[in-house]
N, C-alpha and C. Protein backbone atom coordinates (compact mmCIF):
# COMPACT_ATOMS: atom_id res chain seq x y z
N VAL A 1 -6.38 -6.48 14.89
CA VAL A 1 -7.66 -7.12 14.67
C VAL A 1 -8.59 -6.82 15.85
N GLY A 2 -8.04 -6.95 17.06
CA GLY A 2 -8.83 -6.67 18.25
C GLY A 2 -9.31 -5.24 18.30
N ALA A 3 -8.43 -4.30 17.95
CA ALA A 3 -8.81 -2.89 17.95
C ALA A 3 -9.89 -2.63 16.90
N ALA A 4 -9.76 -3.25 15.73
CA ALA A 4 -10.77 -3.07 14.68
C ALA A 4 -12.12 -3.63 15.11
N CYS A 5 -12.10 -4.79 15.74
CA CYS A 5 -13.35 -5.39 16.22
C CYS A 5 -13.98 -4.53 17.31
N THR A 6 -13.16 -4.01 18.20
CA THR A 6 -13.67 -3.13 19.27
C THR A 6 -14.26 -1.87 18.65
N PHE A 7 -13.53 -1.26 17.73
CA PHE A 7 -14.02 -0.05 17.07
C PHE A 7 -15.32 -0.35 16.31
N GLY A 8 -15.34 -1.47 15.59
CA GLY A 8 -16.56 -1.86 14.86
C GLY A 8 -17.73 -2.07 15.80
N GLY A 9 -17.46 -2.65 16.98
CA GLY A 9 -18.52 -2.83 17.97
C GLY A 9 -19.05 -1.50 18.47
N VAL A 10 -18.15 -0.54 18.68
CA VAL A 10 -18.58 0.79 19.11
C VAL A 10 -19.41 1.45 18.02
N VAL A 11 -18.97 1.33 16.76
CA VAL A 11 -19.74 1.89 15.64
C VAL A 11 -21.13 1.25 15.60
N TRP A 12 -21.19 -0.07 15.75
CA TRP A 12 -22.45 -0.80 15.72
C TRP A 12 -23.38 -0.31 16.85
N ALA A 13 -22.80 -0.18 18.05
CA ALA A 13 -23.60 0.21 19.22
C ALA A 13 -24.07 1.66 19.16
N THR A 14 -23.22 2.55 18.65
CA THR A 14 -23.56 3.98 18.69
C THR A 14 -24.24 4.49 17.42
N MET A 15 -23.96 3.85 16.29
CA MET A 15 -24.49 4.38 15.02
C MET A 15 -25.48 3.44 14.35
N GLY A 16 -25.66 2.25 14.93
CA GLY A 16 -26.64 1.32 14.38
C GLY A 16 -26.01 0.17 13.62
N SER A 17 -26.86 -0.82 13.37
CA SER A 17 -26.37 -2.05 12.75
C SER A 17 -25.92 -1.84 11.30
N GLU A 18 -26.58 -0.93 10.58
CA GLU A 18 -26.18 -0.70 9.19
C GLU A 18 -24.77 -0.13 9.11
N SER A 19 -24.48 0.87 9.94
CA SER A 19 -23.14 1.46 9.95
C SER A 19 -22.11 0.45 10.43
N GLY A 20 -22.46 -0.34 11.44
CA GLY A 20 -21.55 -1.37 11.93
C GLY A 20 -21.26 -2.41 10.86
N ALA A 21 -22.29 -2.84 10.15
CA ALA A 21 -22.11 -3.83 9.08
C ALA A 21 -21.24 -3.25 7.95
N GLU A 22 -21.46 -1.97 7.62
CA GLU A 22 -20.63 -1.34 6.59
C GLU A 22 -19.17 -1.29 7.03
N PHE A 23 -18.93 -0.97 8.30
CA PHE A 23 -17.55 -0.93 8.79
C PHE A 23 -16.90 -2.31 8.66
N PHE A 24 -17.60 -3.35 9.12
CA PHE A 24 -17.02 -4.69 9.07
C PHE A 24 -16.84 -5.18 7.64
N ALA A 25 -17.77 -4.83 6.74
CA ALA A 25 -17.61 -5.20 5.33
C ALA A 25 -16.37 -4.52 4.74
N GLY A 26 -16.22 -3.24 5.03
CA GLY A 26 -15.03 -2.52 4.55
C GLY A 26 -13.75 -3.08 5.12
N TYR A 27 -13.80 -3.43 6.40
CA TYR A 27 -12.62 -4.00 7.06
C TYR A 27 -12.23 -5.33 6.42
N LEU A 28 -13.22 -6.17 6.16
CA LEU A 28 -12.94 -7.48 5.54
C LEU A 28 -12.39 -7.31 4.12
N ILE A 29 -12.93 -6.37 3.37
CA ILE A 29 -12.41 -6.12 2.02
C ILE A 29 -10.96 -5.66 2.10
N GLU A 30 -10.68 -4.72 2.98
CA GLU A 30 -9.30 -4.23 3.14
C GLU A 30 -8.36 -5.37 3.53
N GLN A 31 -8.78 -6.21 4.46
CA GLN A 31 -7.93 -7.32 4.90
C GLN A 31 -7.66 -8.29 3.75
N SER A 32 -8.70 -8.65 3.02
CA SER A 32 -8.51 -9.63 1.95
C SER A 32 -7.68 -9.08 0.81
N LEU A 33 -7.82 -7.79 0.52
CA LEU A 33 -7.05 -7.20 -0.57
C LEU A 33 -5.64 -6.81 -0.17
N SER A 34 -5.33 -6.82 1.12
CA SER A 34 -4.00 -6.41 1.56
C SER A 34 -3.01 -7.56 1.68
N VAL A 35 -3.47 -8.79 1.49
CA VAL A 35 -2.57 -9.94 1.61
C VAL A 35 -1.46 -9.87 0.57
N ASP A 36 -1.78 -9.42 -0.65
CA ASP A 36 -0.76 -9.35 -1.70
C ASP A 36 0.35 -8.36 -1.35
N ASN A 37 0.03 -7.36 -0.51
CA ASN A 37 1.06 -6.42 -0.07
C ASN A 37 2.20 -7.14 0.63
N LEU A 38 1.87 -8.15 1.42
CA LEU A 38 2.90 -8.87 2.17
C LEU A 38 3.94 -9.48 1.25
N PHE A 39 3.49 -10.03 0.13
CA PHE A 39 4.43 -10.64 -0.81
C PHE A 39 5.35 -9.58 -1.43
N VAL A 40 4.78 -8.42 -1.73
CA VAL A 40 5.59 -7.33 -2.28
C VAL A 40 6.62 -6.87 -1.25
N PHE A 41 6.18 -6.75 0.01
CA PHE A 41 7.10 -6.33 1.07
C PHE A 41 8.23 -7.34 1.22
N LEU A 42 7.91 -8.62 1.17
CA LEU A 42 8.96 -9.64 1.27
C LEU A 42 9.94 -9.55 0.11
N LEU A 43 9.44 -9.31 -1.10
CA LEU A 43 10.33 -9.14 -2.26
C LEU A 43 11.23 -7.92 -2.09
N LEU A 44 10.66 -6.83 -1.56
CA LEU A 44 11.48 -5.64 -1.33
C LEU A 44 12.55 -5.90 -0.28
N PHE A 45 12.20 -6.60 0.81
CA PHE A 45 13.19 -6.93 1.85
C PHE A 45 14.30 -7.78 1.27
N GLU A 46 13.93 -8.72 0.41
CA GLU A 46 14.93 -9.60 -0.20
C GLU A 46 15.83 -8.80 -1.14
N TYR A 47 15.24 -7.94 -1.97
CA TYR A 47 16.02 -7.17 -2.92
C TYR A 47 17.01 -6.25 -2.20
N PHE A 48 16.52 -5.53 -1.18
CA PHE A 48 17.37 -4.59 -0.45
C PHE A 48 18.24 -5.28 0.60
N LYS A 49 18.08 -6.59 0.73
CA LYS A 49 18.85 -7.37 1.71
C LYS A 49 18.74 -6.74 3.10
N VAL A 50 17.49 -6.42 3.47
CA VAL A 50 17.23 -5.81 4.78
C VAL A 50 17.44 -6.89 5.85
N PRO A 51 18.38 -6.65 6.77
CA PRO A 51 18.59 -7.63 7.84
C PRO A 51 17.29 -7.85 8.63
N LEU A 52 17.06 -9.07 9.03
CA LEU A 52 15.85 -9.44 9.75
C LEU A 52 15.61 -8.52 10.95
N ALA A 53 16.67 -8.13 11.63
CA ALA A 53 16.53 -7.28 12.82
C ALA A 53 15.96 -5.91 12.48
N PHE A 54 16.08 -5.44 11.22
CA PHE A 54 15.62 -4.11 10.84
C PHE A 54 14.29 -4.13 10.08
N GLN A 55 13.82 -5.31 9.70
CA GLN A 55 12.59 -5.40 8.92
C GLN A 55 11.39 -4.84 9.68
N ASP A 56 11.37 -5.07 11.00
CA ASP A 56 10.29 -4.55 11.83
C ASP A 56 10.24 -3.02 11.77
N ARG A 57 11.41 -2.40 11.83
CA ARG A 57 11.49 -0.93 11.79
C ARG A 57 10.96 -0.40 10.46
N VAL A 58 11.36 -1.02 9.36
CA VAL A 58 10.90 -0.59 8.04
C VAL A 58 9.38 -0.77 7.94
N LEU A 59 8.87 -1.91 8.39
CA LEU A 59 7.43 -2.14 8.33
C LEU A 59 6.65 -1.14 9.18
N ASN A 60 7.11 -0.91 10.41
CA ASN A 60 6.40 0.02 11.28
C ASN A 60 6.33 1.41 10.68
N TRP A 61 7.48 1.96 10.27
CA TRP A 61 7.47 3.30 9.68
C TRP A 61 6.74 3.30 8.35
N GLY A 62 6.88 2.23 7.59
CA GLY A 62 6.17 2.13 6.32
C GLY A 62 4.67 2.12 6.52
N ILE A 63 4.22 1.42 7.54
CA ILE A 63 2.78 1.35 7.82
C ILE A 63 2.27 2.70 8.31
N TYR A 64 3.05 3.38 9.15
CA TYR A 64 2.64 4.72 9.61
C TYR A 64 2.44 5.65 8.41
N GLY A 65 3.41 5.65 7.52
CA GLY A 65 3.30 6.49 6.33
C GLY A 65 2.14 6.09 5.45
N ALA A 66 1.92 4.79 5.30
CA ALA A 66 0.83 4.29 4.47
C ALA A 66 -0.52 4.67 5.08
N ILE A 67 -0.62 4.64 6.41
CA ILE A 67 -1.88 5.04 7.06
C ILE A 67 -2.19 6.49 6.74
N VAL A 68 -1.18 7.35 6.83
CA VAL A 68 -1.38 8.77 6.53
C VAL A 68 -1.80 8.93 5.07
N MET A 69 -1.09 8.27 4.15
CA MET A 69 -1.41 8.41 2.73
C MET A 69 -2.79 7.83 2.40
N ARG A 70 -3.14 6.68 3.01
CA ARG A 70 -4.47 6.12 2.77
C ARG A 70 -5.54 7.04 3.35
N GLY A 71 -5.26 7.63 4.51
CA GLY A 71 -6.22 8.57 5.09
C GLY A 71 -6.48 9.74 4.16
N ILE A 72 -5.41 10.24 3.55
CA ILE A 72 -5.56 11.33 2.59
C ILE A 72 -6.39 10.87 1.39
N MET A 73 -6.09 9.67 0.88
CA MET A 73 -6.84 9.15 -0.26
C MET A 73 -8.32 8.96 0.09
N ILE A 74 -8.60 8.43 1.28
CA ILE A 74 -9.99 8.23 1.69
C ILE A 74 -10.69 9.57 1.87
N GLY A 75 -9.99 10.53 2.48
CA GLY A 75 -10.58 11.86 2.64
C GLY A 75 -10.91 12.50 1.30
N LEU A 76 -9.98 12.42 0.37
CA LEU A 76 -10.21 12.99 -0.96
C LEU A 76 -11.34 12.25 -1.68
N GLY A 77 -11.37 10.92 -1.53
CA GLY A 77 -12.44 10.13 -2.15
C GLY A 77 -13.80 10.46 -1.56
N ALA A 78 -13.86 10.60 -0.24
CA ALA A 78 -15.13 10.95 0.42
C ALA A 78 -15.58 12.35 0.01
N ALA A 79 -14.63 13.28 -0.08
CA ALA A 79 -14.98 14.64 -0.51
C ALA A 79 -15.49 14.63 -1.96
N ALA A 80 -14.85 13.83 -2.80
CA ALA A 80 -15.30 13.73 -4.19
C ALA A 80 -16.70 13.13 -4.26
N LEU A 81 -16.96 12.11 -3.45
CA LEU A 81 -18.29 11.50 -3.41
C LEU A 81 -19.35 12.49 -2.93
N GLU A 82 -18.97 13.31 -1.97
CA GLU A 82 -19.89 14.32 -1.42
C GLU A 82 -20.27 15.33 -2.49
N GLN A 83 -19.32 15.72 -3.32
CA GLN A 83 -19.55 16.73 -4.35
C GLN A 83 -20.19 16.16 -5.61
N TYR A 84 -19.78 14.92 -5.95
CA TYR A 84 -20.22 14.34 -7.21
C TYR A 84 -20.41 12.84 -7.04
N HIS A 85 -21.66 12.44 -6.89
CA HIS A 85 -21.97 11.03 -6.62
C HIS A 85 -21.55 10.12 -7.79
N GLY A 86 -21.48 10.67 -8.96
CA GLY A 86 -21.09 9.89 -10.15
C GLY A 86 -19.65 9.40 -10.10
N ILE A 87 -18.88 9.89 -9.13
CA ILE A 87 -17.49 9.45 -9.00
C ILE A 87 -17.42 7.95 -8.72
N LEU A 88 -18.53 7.39 -8.19
CA LEU A 88 -18.59 5.94 -7.98
C LEU A 88 -18.38 5.19 -9.29
N LEU A 89 -18.83 5.77 -10.39
CA LEU A 89 -18.61 5.15 -11.70
C LEU A 89 -17.13 5.12 -12.05
N VAL A 90 -16.41 6.17 -11.69
CA VAL A 90 -14.96 6.20 -11.91
C VAL A 90 -14.30 5.13 -11.05
N PHE A 91 -14.72 5.05 -9.77
CA PHE A 91 -14.18 4.01 -8.89
C PHE A 91 -14.48 2.62 -9.44
N ALA A 92 -15.69 2.43 -9.95
CA ALA A 92 -16.07 1.14 -10.52
C ALA A 92 -15.21 0.82 -11.74
N ALA A 93 -14.94 1.83 -12.56
CA ALA A 93 -14.10 1.63 -13.74
C ALA A 93 -12.69 1.19 -13.34
N ILE A 94 -12.17 1.78 -12.25
CA ILE A 94 -10.85 1.38 -11.76
C ILE A 94 -10.86 -0.09 -11.36
N LEU A 95 -11.91 -0.52 -10.66
CA LEU A 95 -12.02 -1.91 -10.25
C LEU A 95 -12.17 -2.85 -11.45
N VAL A 96 -13.00 -2.47 -12.41
CA VAL A 96 -13.20 -3.30 -13.60
C VAL A 96 -11.90 -3.40 -14.38
N TYR A 97 -11.20 -2.30 -14.54
CA TYR A 97 -9.91 -2.31 -15.25
C TYR A 97 -8.91 -3.23 -14.55
N GLY A 98 -8.78 -3.09 -13.23
CA GLY A 98 -7.86 -3.94 -12.48
C GLY A 98 -8.23 -5.40 -12.57
N SER A 99 -9.51 -5.69 -12.47
CA SER A 99 -9.98 -7.08 -12.57
C SER A 99 -9.73 -7.63 -13.96
N GLY A 100 -10.02 -6.82 -14.97
CA GLY A 100 -9.79 -7.25 -16.35
C GLY A 100 -8.33 -7.52 -16.63
N LYS A 101 -7.48 -6.65 -16.11
CA LYS A 101 -6.03 -6.84 -16.30
C LYS A 101 -5.57 -8.13 -15.63
N PHE A 102 -6.08 -8.39 -14.43
CA PHE A 102 -5.74 -9.62 -13.71
C PHE A 102 -6.24 -10.84 -14.49
N PHE A 103 -7.52 -10.80 -14.92
CA PHE A 103 -8.10 -11.92 -15.64
C PHE A 103 -7.37 -12.17 -16.96
N TRP A 104 -7.06 -11.09 -17.68
CA TRP A 104 -6.36 -11.23 -18.96
C TRP A 104 -4.98 -11.88 -18.75
N GLY A 105 -4.33 -11.53 -17.63
CA GLY A 105 -3.05 -12.15 -17.31
C GLY A 105 -3.18 -13.64 -17.06
N LEU A 106 -4.30 -14.06 -16.46
CA LEU A 106 -4.53 -15.48 -16.23
C LEU A 106 -4.79 -16.22 -17.53
N VAL A 107 -5.60 -15.59 -18.39
CA VAL A 107 -5.98 -16.22 -19.65
C VAL A 107 -4.80 -16.34 -20.60
N THR A 108 -3.97 -15.32 -20.67
CA THR A 108 -2.87 -15.29 -21.63
C THR A 108 -1.54 -15.71 -21.01
N ASN A 109 -1.57 -16.32 -19.86
CA ASN A 109 -0.32 -16.69 -19.17
C ASN A 109 0.48 -17.66 -20.02
N ASP A 110 1.58 -17.19 -20.51
CA ASP A 110 2.49 -18.00 -21.32
C ASP A 110 3.84 -18.00 -20.63
N GLU A 111 4.34 -19.18 -20.30
CA GLU A 111 5.59 -19.26 -19.55
C GLU A 111 6.75 -18.62 -20.28
N ASP A 112 6.70 -18.58 -21.60
CA ASP A 112 7.78 -17.94 -22.35
C ASP A 112 7.77 -16.42 -22.17
N ASP A 113 6.58 -15.86 -21.85
CA ASP A 113 6.47 -14.41 -21.68
C ASP A 113 6.89 -13.95 -20.30
N GLU A 114 7.02 -14.89 -19.35
CA GLU A 114 7.35 -14.51 -17.99
C GLU A 114 8.79 -14.03 -17.90
N VAL A 115 8.94 -12.81 -17.46
CA VAL A 115 10.26 -12.22 -17.27
C VAL A 115 10.34 -11.78 -15.82
N GLU A 116 11.36 -12.26 -15.13
CA GLU A 116 11.50 -11.86 -13.74
C GLU A 116 11.98 -10.43 -13.68
N GLU A 117 11.18 -9.58 -13.00
CA GLU A 117 11.49 -8.16 -12.93
C GLU A 117 12.49 -7.90 -11.80
N ASP A 118 13.45 -7.05 -12.10
CA ASP A 118 14.42 -6.62 -11.10
C ASP A 118 13.79 -5.49 -10.30
N PRO A 119 13.57 -5.67 -8.99
CA PRO A 119 12.96 -4.61 -8.19
C PRO A 119 13.72 -3.29 -8.26
N GLY A 120 15.02 -3.35 -8.53
CA GLY A 120 15.81 -2.12 -8.65
C GLY A 120 15.41 -1.29 -9.85
N GLU A 121 14.80 -1.91 -10.85
CA GLU A 121 14.34 -1.21 -12.04
C GLU A 121 12.88 -0.78 -11.91
N ASN A 122 12.25 -1.14 -10.80
CA ASN A 122 10.86 -0.78 -10.55
C ASN A 122 10.74 0.74 -10.47
N THR A 123 9.66 1.27 -11.00
CA THR A 123 9.42 2.72 -11.04
C THR A 123 9.45 3.32 -9.64
N ILE A 124 8.86 2.62 -8.67
CA ILE A 124 8.80 3.13 -7.30
C ILE A 124 10.21 3.25 -6.71
N VAL A 125 11.03 2.22 -6.89
CA VAL A 125 12.39 2.23 -6.35
C VAL A 125 13.22 3.30 -7.05
N ARG A 126 13.09 3.40 -8.37
CA ARG A 126 13.84 4.43 -9.10
C ARG A 126 13.42 5.83 -8.67
N PHE A 127 12.11 6.03 -8.42
CA PHE A 127 11.63 7.32 -7.95
C PHE A 127 12.24 7.67 -6.60
N ALA A 128 12.20 6.71 -5.66
CA ALA A 128 12.76 6.96 -4.32
C ALA A 128 14.23 7.32 -4.40
N ARG A 129 14.96 6.62 -5.25
CA ARG A 129 16.40 6.90 -5.38
C ARG A 129 16.67 8.23 -6.06
N SER A 130 15.77 8.65 -6.95
CA SER A 130 15.99 9.92 -7.63
C SER A 130 15.69 11.10 -6.71
N VAL A 131 14.72 10.95 -5.83
CA VAL A 131 14.35 12.03 -4.92
C VAL A 131 15.32 12.13 -3.75
N PHE A 132 15.78 10.97 -3.26
CA PHE A 132 16.68 10.92 -2.11
C PHE A 132 18.01 10.32 -2.54
N PRO A 133 19.07 11.14 -2.62
CA PRO A 133 20.38 10.57 -2.92
C PRO A 133 20.65 9.44 -1.92
N SER A 134 21.09 8.31 -2.43
CA SER A 134 21.22 7.16 -1.53
C SER A 134 22.57 6.47 -1.70
N THR A 135 22.85 5.64 -0.71
CA THR A 135 24.05 4.83 -0.70
C THR A 135 23.63 3.37 -0.70
N GLU A 136 24.54 2.51 -1.06
CA GLU A 136 24.25 1.07 -1.05
C GLU A 136 24.57 0.44 0.30
N GLU A 137 25.16 1.23 1.20
CA GLU A 137 25.62 0.71 2.49
C GLU A 137 24.63 1.02 3.60
N TYR A 138 24.42 0.04 4.47
CA TYR A 138 23.61 0.25 5.67
C TYR A 138 24.45 0.94 6.74
N ASP A 139 23.78 1.66 7.60
CA ASP A 139 24.43 2.29 8.76
C ASP A 139 23.58 1.91 9.98
N GLY A 140 23.69 0.66 10.37
CA GLY A 140 22.85 0.14 11.46
C GLY A 140 21.39 0.20 11.06
N ASP A 141 20.56 0.70 11.98
CA ASP A 141 19.13 0.80 11.68
C ASP A 141 18.74 2.22 11.28
N ARG A 142 19.70 3.00 10.85
CA ARG A 142 19.45 4.39 10.46
C ARG A 142 18.89 4.47 9.04
N PHE A 143 18.00 5.44 8.86
CA PHE A 143 17.45 5.69 7.53
C PHE A 143 18.36 6.59 6.70
N PHE A 144 19.18 7.41 7.38
CA PHE A 144 20.10 8.32 6.69
C PHE A 144 21.49 8.18 7.30
N THR A 145 22.49 8.50 6.48
CA THR A 145 23.88 8.44 6.94
C THR A 145 24.65 9.55 6.25
N GLN A 146 25.87 9.79 6.72
CA GLN A 146 26.76 10.78 6.11
C GLN A 146 27.81 10.05 5.28
N VAL A 147 27.94 10.43 4.02
CA VAL A 147 28.97 9.87 3.15
C VAL A 147 29.74 11.05 2.56
N ASP A 148 31.02 11.17 2.94
CA ASP A 148 31.85 12.29 2.49
C ASP A 148 31.19 13.64 2.77
N GLY A 149 30.57 13.74 3.95
CA GLY A 149 29.93 14.98 4.37
C GLY A 149 28.57 15.24 3.75
N ILE A 150 28.08 14.31 2.96
CA ILE A 150 26.79 14.48 2.30
C ILE A 150 25.79 13.50 2.93
N ARG A 151 24.63 14.03 3.30
CA ARG A 151 23.60 13.18 3.89
C ARG A 151 22.92 12.37 2.79
N LYS A 152 22.92 11.05 2.98
CA LYS A 152 22.32 10.16 1.99
C LYS A 152 21.39 9.16 2.67
N ALA A 153 20.40 8.74 1.91
CA ALA A 153 19.48 7.73 2.39
C ALA A 153 20.16 6.36 2.33
N THR A 154 19.90 5.54 3.33
CA THR A 154 20.41 4.17 3.32
C THR A 154 19.40 3.29 2.58
N PRO A 155 19.78 2.06 2.23
CA PRO A 155 18.81 1.16 1.60
C PRO A 155 17.57 0.93 2.48
N LEU A 156 17.73 1.09 3.80
CA LEU A 156 16.60 0.94 4.71
C LEU A 156 15.52 1.98 4.41
N PHE A 157 15.95 3.23 4.17
CA PHE A 157 15.00 4.30 3.86
C PHE A 157 14.36 4.09 2.50
N VAL A 158 15.16 3.75 1.50
CA VAL A 158 14.63 3.54 0.16
C VAL A 158 13.61 2.40 0.19
N CYS A 159 13.91 1.34 0.95
CA CYS A 159 12.98 0.23 1.09
C CYS A 159 11.69 0.69 1.75
N MET A 160 11.80 1.52 2.79
CA MET A 160 10.61 2.03 3.49
C MET A 160 9.74 2.84 2.54
N VAL A 161 10.35 3.71 1.74
CA VAL A 161 9.59 4.51 0.78
C VAL A 161 8.91 3.59 -0.23
N ALA A 162 9.62 2.57 -0.69
CA ALA A 162 9.04 1.62 -1.63
C ALA A 162 7.86 0.88 -1.00
N VAL A 163 7.96 0.52 0.29
CA VAL A 163 6.87 -0.14 1.00
C VAL A 163 5.65 0.78 1.05
N GLU A 164 5.87 2.05 1.40
CA GLU A 164 4.76 3.01 1.51
C GLU A 164 4.08 3.24 0.17
N ILE A 165 4.86 3.48 -0.86
CA ILE A 165 4.28 3.77 -2.16
C ILE A 165 3.60 2.53 -2.74
N SER A 166 4.20 1.35 -2.52
CA SER A 166 3.56 0.11 -2.97
C SER A 166 2.20 -0.05 -2.32
N ASP A 167 2.12 0.26 -1.03
CA ASP A 167 0.84 0.15 -0.33
C ASP A 167 -0.20 1.09 -0.94
N VAL A 168 0.22 2.30 -1.28
CA VAL A 168 -0.71 3.26 -1.87
C VAL A 168 -1.17 2.76 -3.25
N VAL A 169 -0.24 2.20 -4.03
CA VAL A 169 -0.60 1.67 -5.34
C VAL A 169 -1.64 0.56 -5.18
N PHE A 170 -1.44 -0.32 -4.20
CA PHE A 170 -2.41 -1.39 -3.97
C PHE A 170 -3.73 -0.83 -3.44
N ALA A 171 -3.70 0.30 -2.75
CA ALA A 171 -4.92 0.90 -2.21
C ALA A 171 -5.82 1.45 -3.31
N VAL A 172 -5.26 1.66 -4.50
CA VAL A 172 -6.06 2.20 -5.60
C VAL A 172 -7.23 1.28 -5.92
N ASP A 173 -7.09 -0.02 -5.69
CA ASP A 173 -8.23 -0.90 -5.93
C ASP A 173 -9.05 -1.16 -4.67
N SER A 174 -8.43 -1.17 -3.51
CA SER A 174 -9.19 -1.50 -2.30
C SER A 174 -10.05 -0.35 -1.79
N ILE A 175 -9.58 0.87 -1.90
CA ILE A 175 -10.35 2.01 -1.40
C ILE A 175 -11.65 2.20 -2.21
N PRO A 176 -11.61 2.16 -3.55
CA PRO A 176 -12.88 2.23 -4.28
C PRO A 176 -13.82 1.07 -3.94
N ALA A 177 -13.27 -0.12 -3.68
CA ALA A 177 -14.12 -1.26 -3.31
C ALA A 177 -14.84 -0.97 -2.00
N VAL A 178 -14.13 -0.40 -1.04
CA VAL A 178 -14.75 -0.07 0.24
C VAL A 178 -15.80 1.03 0.06
N PHE A 179 -15.50 2.04 -0.76
CA PHE A 179 -16.50 3.08 -1.02
C PHE A 179 -17.74 2.48 -1.67
N GLY A 180 -17.54 1.52 -2.58
CA GLY A 180 -18.68 0.88 -3.24
C GLY A 180 -19.58 0.14 -2.26
N VAL A 181 -18.98 -0.49 -1.26
CA VAL A 181 -19.76 -1.24 -0.27
C VAL A 181 -20.45 -0.31 0.70
N THR A 182 -19.77 0.75 1.10
CA THR A 182 -20.32 1.62 2.15
C THR A 182 -21.21 2.73 1.62
N GLU A 183 -21.20 2.96 0.33
CA GLU A 183 -22.00 4.06 -0.22
C GLU A 183 -23.46 3.67 -0.31
């Protein structure tokens, strides 16, 4: 938070109040929309039974990967905006669709329809396991281990990949919102 405020202050001082205000508006949108990520991360930690001592490691590496992937998404979005200003309409459609889906879920919420989803059946977790042969056993704080001479991902690594991809999925709504404010 301190680094973001310092950076925002530098933007304000060097590029003007409009750019500074846009930075802070984007920062606040990102912060408010990222709270739901924490709940997903906690569910993933619970599902993978990540020991408390290793959760920090998964979060740190997960955040590093998410920063890189969000940077790529922002770069691609900015390039698309530069080439075709109408892409804002596509971004707006993504936001309207997400909002409508959320609202429809509130309106039609029926307790009989609620089914608790097994995170192991989640598309993201299944993808990570299909790309990286994995084991169910932890090997300390290692992301990979050797099983019968074969290198396999530990649940720690699969959880980290799930954290990163989940963050990118959640960024699909927050990045267009930031572009909408700053454009």
